[in-house]
Amino acid sequence: MSRFASFRDFYPFYLSEHRNNVSRRLHFIGSCGVLLLVAWAILQGNPWWLLAALFCGYGFAWVGHFFFEKNRPATFKHPIYSFIGDWVMFKDILTGRIRF
């Protein structure tokens, strides 16, 4: 059972796991890559590009965690909240709420 009752409870923890600027930038770049690859999969009508999107998103994020944050990605224990957190943080970076 999760120790977080809601995503609202989880998000501060999520942000605490992403304090390093390089890690946040890698997450942001990976998310941009995901969006481009999903669009490309749709344009090409080839679902194999979705697999590339998956590797792009998690690849950039995990490099950030293992080499810069020196922590374990929250995806391993909280996959749904972590996935939502990636996109909320992406939006927060785009809107300037979180420093890039």
Protein backbone atom coordinates (compact mmCIF):
# COMPACT_ATOMS: atom_id res chain seq x y z
CA MET A 1 0.00 0.00 0.00
CA SER A 2 1.24 3.46 -0.90
CA ARG A 3 2.19 5.88 1.83
CA PHE A 4 0.61 8.66 -0.25
CA ALA A 5 -3.13 9.15 -0.06
CA SER A 6 -3.24 11.23 -3.24
CA PHE A 7 -1.09 12.71 -5.98
CA ARG A 8 -1.26 16.01 -4.11
CA ASP A 9 0.52 14.28 -1.21
CA PHE A 10 3.00 12.59 -3.55
CA TYR A 11 4.10 15.59 -5.64
CA PRO A 12 6.22 17.31 -2.93
CA PHE A 13 8.06 14.00 -2.46
CA TYR A 14 8.47 13.73 -6.23
CA LEU A 15 9.99 17.20 -6.41
CA SER A 16 12.34 16.39 -3.54
CA GLU A 17 13.67 13.52 -5.68
CA HIS A 18 14.39 16.00 -8.50
CA ARG A 19 16.46 18.72 -6.84
CA ASN A 20 19.40 18.51 -9.21
CA ASN A 21 19.12 20.94 -12.16
CA VAL A 22 20.76 18.52 -14.60
CA SER A 23 18.35 15.78 -13.61
CA ARG A 24 15.33 18.04 -14.13
CA ARG A 25 16.70 19.11 -17.50
CA LEU A 26 17.20 15.50 -18.53
CA HIS A 27 13.60 14.73 -17.51
CA PHE A 28 12.40 17.71 -19.54
CA ILE A 29 14.44 16.72 -22.61
CA GLY A 30 13.21 13.13 -22.33
CA SER A 31 9.60 14.32 -22.11
CA CYS A 32 10.08 16.51 -25.20
CA GLY A 33 11.48 13.47 -26.98
CA VAL A 34 8.47 11.42 -25.91
CA LEU A 35 6.08 13.99 -27.36
CA LEU A 36 8.00 14.10 -30.64
CA LEU A 37 8.21 10.33 -30.93
CA VAL A 38 4.51 9.84 -30.16
CA ALA A 39 3.66 12.42 -32.82
CA TRP A 40 6.02 10.66 -35.24
CA ALA A 41 4.40 7.28 -34.47
CA ILE A 42 1.00 8.76 -35.29
CA LEU A 43 2.22 10.48 -38.47
CA GLN A 44 4.00 7.34 -39.67
CA GLY A 45 1.26 4.98 -38.53
CA ASN A 46 3.97 2.88 -36.96
CA PRO A 47 3.43 1.90 -33.31
CA TRP A 48 7.06 0.77 -32.94
CA TRP A 49 7.97 4.44 -32.44
CA LEU A 50 5.99 4.27 -29.18
CA LEU A 51 8.59 1.85 -27.89
CA ALA A 52 11.27 4.39 -28.80
CA ALA A 53 9.25 7.02 -26.89
CA LEU A 54 9.21 4.80 -23.83
CA PHE A 55 12.98 4.29 -23.97
CA CYS A 56 13.58 7.99 -24.58
CA GLY A 57 11.49 9.16 -21.63
CA TYR A 58 12.74 6.65 -19.11
CA GLY A 59 16.29 6.65 -20.47
CA PHE A 60 16.84 10.36 -19.94
CA ALA A 61 15.07 10.30 -16.57
CA TRP A 62 17.01 7.34 -15.24
CA VAL A 63 20.35 8.81 -16.27
CA GLY A 64 19.33 11.87 -14.24
CA HIS A 65 18.52 9.75 -11.21
CA PHE A 66 21.43 7.35 -11.26
CA PHE A 67 24.21 9.80 -12.21
CA PHE A 68 23.07 13.18 -10.91
CA GLU A 69 20.45 12.70 -8.20
CA LYS A 70 22.12 9.50 -6.98
CA ASN A 71 18.73 8.07 -6.03
CA ARG A 72 16.32 5.43 -7.19
CA PRO A 73 13.53 6.58 -9.53
CA ALA A 74 10.13 6.83 -7.85
CA THR A 75 8.79 4.86 -10.83
CA PHE A 76 9.88 1.65 -9.12
CA LYS A 77 7.58 2.11 -6.11
CA HIS A 78 4.98 4.58 -7.38
CA PRO A 79 4.68 4.08 -11.16
CA ILE A 80 1.38 5.88 -11.73
CA TYR A 81 2.05 8.86 -9.47
CA SER A 82 5.56 9.10 -10.89
CA PHE A 83 4.26 9.13 -14.47
CA ILE A 84 1.81 11.89 -13.56
CA GLY A 85 4.59 13.71 -11.71
CA ASP A 86 6.78 13.69 -14.83
CA TRP A 87 4.12 15.54 -16.80
CA VAL A 88 3.19 17.94 -14.00
CA MET A 89 6.86 18.81 -13.54
CA PHE A 90 7.15 19.23 -17.33
CA LYS A 91 4.24 21.68 -17.22
CA ASP A 92 5.71 23.45 -14.19
CA ILE A 93 9.01 23.92 -16.02
CA LEU A 94 7.22 25.22 -19.12
CA THR A 95 5.25 27.73 -17.06
CA GLY A 96 8.29 28.84 -15.04
CA ARG A 97 7.01 27.50 -11.73
CA ILE A 98 10.08 25.25 -11.54
CA ARG A 99 13.49 26.46 -12.63
CA PHE A 100 14.93 24.82 -15.75
